[in-house]
Amino acid sequence: MNGFTIFDESLRVLPIMKTQQISTWDKMVHAPFKKVVKFDLICMAIGAVMGMGAGAYLVASGLLG
């Protein structure tokens, strides 16, 4: 077990873990997985709308099809 151990009133062993300092870089760069997926889905939705618009323009203008 890492760190030290102490005993509470019921004599259970409680680990005392060393607190890890999280750097500013880690706070900025490492995002929770749910936020990454949400951002990715939003970007894909925007890209799909842009692609449909560009395709509709090309078809309507006679450049394609």
C-alpha atoms as a PDB file:
ATOM      1  CA  MET A   1       0.000   0.000   0.000  1.00  0.00           C
ATOM      2  CA  ASN A   2       1.325   3.444  -0.910  1.00  0.00           C
ATOM      3  CA  GLY A   3       1.508   6.152   1.687  1.00  0.00           C
ATOM      4  CA  PHE A   4       1.014   5.857   5.418  1.00  0.00           C
ATOM      5  CA  THR A   5      -1.765   4.138   7.326  1.00  0.00           C
ATOM      6  CA  ILE A   6      -3.715   5.297  10.325  1.00  0.00           C
ATOM      7  CA  PHE A   7      -6.452   3.718  12.403  1.00  0.00           C
ATOM      8  CA  ASP A   8      -9.862   5.262  12.971  1.00  0.00           C
ATOM      9  CA  GLU A   9     -12.092   4.730  16.026  1.00  0.00           C
ATOM     10  CA  SER A  10     -13.232   1.262  14.895  1.00  0.00           C
ATOM     11  CA  LEU A  11      -9.617   0.226  14.273  1.00  0.00           C
ATOM     12  CA  ARG A  12     -10.018   0.031  10.518  1.00  0.00           C
ATOM     13  CA  VAL A  13      -6.888   0.729   8.523  1.00  0.00           C
ATOM     14  CA  LEU A  14      -7.228   3.906   6.490  1.00  0.00           C
ATOM     15  CA  PRO A  15      -4.651   4.639   3.813  1.00  0.00           C
ATOM     16  CA  ILE A  16      -3.328   8.181   3.631  1.00  0.00           C
ATOM     17  CA  MET A  17      -2.458   8.728   0.016  1.00  0.00           C
ATOM     18  CA  LYS A  18      -0.153  11.474  -1.067  1.00  0.00           C
ATOM     19  CA  THR A  19      -2.169  14.182  -2.774  1.00  0.00           C
ATOM     20  CA  GLN A  20      -1.203  14.643  -6.376  1.00  0.00           C
ATOM     21  CA  GLN A  21      -0.732  18.146  -7.649  1.00  0.00           C
ATOM     22  CA  ILE A  22      -2.514  18.599 -10.977  1.00  0.00           C
ATOM     23  CA  SER A  23      -0.701  21.028 -13.202  1.00  0.00           C
ATOM     24  CA  THR A  24      -2.433  23.757 -15.159  1.00  0.00           C
ATOM     25  CA  TRP A  25      -1.449  21.976 -18.365  1.00  0.00           C
ATOM     26  CA  ASP A  26      -3.250  18.794 -17.272  1.00  0.00           C
ATOM     27  CA  LYS A  27      -6.357  20.773 -16.351  1.00  0.00           C
ATOM     28  CA  MET A  28      -6.427  22.392 -19.798  1.00  0.00           C
ATOM     29  CA  VAL A  29      -5.514  19.372 -21.905  1.00  0.00           C
ATOM     30  CA  HIS A  30      -7.065  16.357 -20.222  1.00  0.00           C
ATOM     31  CA  ALA A  31     -10.830  16.477 -20.587  1.00  0.00           C
ATOM     32  CA  PRO A  32     -13.372  13.928 -19.373  1.00  0.00           C
ATOM     33  CA  PHE A  33     -14.380  11.402 -22.020  1.00  0.00           C
ATOM     34  CA  LYS A  34     -18.038  12.536 -22.070  1.00  0.00           C
ATOM     35  CA  LYS A  35     -17.025  16.096 -22.935  1.00  0.00           C
ATOM     36  CA  VAL A  36     -14.780  14.853 -25.751  1.00  0.00           C
ATOM     37  CA  VAL A  37     -17.585  12.724 -27.212  1.00  0.00           C
ATOM     38  CA  LYS A  38     -20.081  15.594 -26.941  1.00  0.00           C
ATOM     39  CA  PHE A  39     -17.692  17.973 -28.727  1.00  0.00           C
ATOM     40  CA  ASP A  40     -16.993  15.370 -31.411  1.00  0.00           C
ATOM     41  CA  LEU A  41     -20.701  14.771 -32.073  1.00  0.00           C
ATOM     42  CA  ILE A  42     -21.364  18.514 -32.328  1.00  0.00           C
ATOM     43  CA  CYS A  43     -18.510  18.903 -34.821  1.00  0.00           C
ATOM     44  CA  MET A  44     -19.759  15.966 -36.902  1.00  0.00           C
ATOM     45  CA  ALA A  45     -23.275  17.411 -36.953  1.00  0.00           C
ATOM     46  CA  ILE A  46     -21.975  20.786 -38.139  1.00  0.00           C
ATOM     47  CA  GLY A  47     -19.884  19.054 -40.807  1.00  0.00           C
ATOM     48  CA  ALA A  48     -22.870  16.995 -42.014  1.00  0.00           C
ATOM     49  CA  VAL A  49     -25.016  20.116 -42.361  1.00  0.00           C
ATOM     50  CA  MET A  50     -22.255  21.927 -44.232  1.00  0.00           C
ATOM     51  CA  GLY A  51     -21.757  18.931 -46.531  1.00  0.00           C
ATOM     52  CA  MET A  52     -25.461  18.680 -47.318  1.00  0.00           C
ATOM     53  CA  GLY A  53     -25.576  22.393 -48.054  1.00  0.00           C
ATOM     54  CA  ALA A  54     -22.573  22.210 -50.357  1.00  0.00           C
ATOM     55  CA  GLY A  55     -24.031  19.154 -52.125  1.00  0.00           C
ATOM     56  CA  ALA A  56     -27.408  20.847 -52.577  1.00  0.00           C
ATOM     57  CA  TYR A  57     -25.683  23.921 -54.002  1.00  0.00           C
ATOM     58  CA  LEU A  58     -23.655  21.862 -56.471  1.00  0.00           C
ATOM     59  CA  VAL A  59     -26.748  19.971 -57.638  1.00  0.00           C
ATOM     60  CA  ALA A  60     -28.930  23.103 -57.870  1.00  0.00           C
ATOM     61  CA  SER A  61     -26.311  25.047 -59.795  1.00  0.00           C
ATOM     62  CA  GLY A  62     -25.867  22.241 -62.306  1.00  0.00           C
ATOM     63  CA  LEU A  63     -22.193  21.684 -61.555  1.00  0.00           C
ATOM     64  CA  LEU A  64     -22.882  18.175 -60.353  1.00  0.00           C
ATOM     65  CA  GLY A  65     -25.570  15.778 -61.517  1.00  0.00           C
END
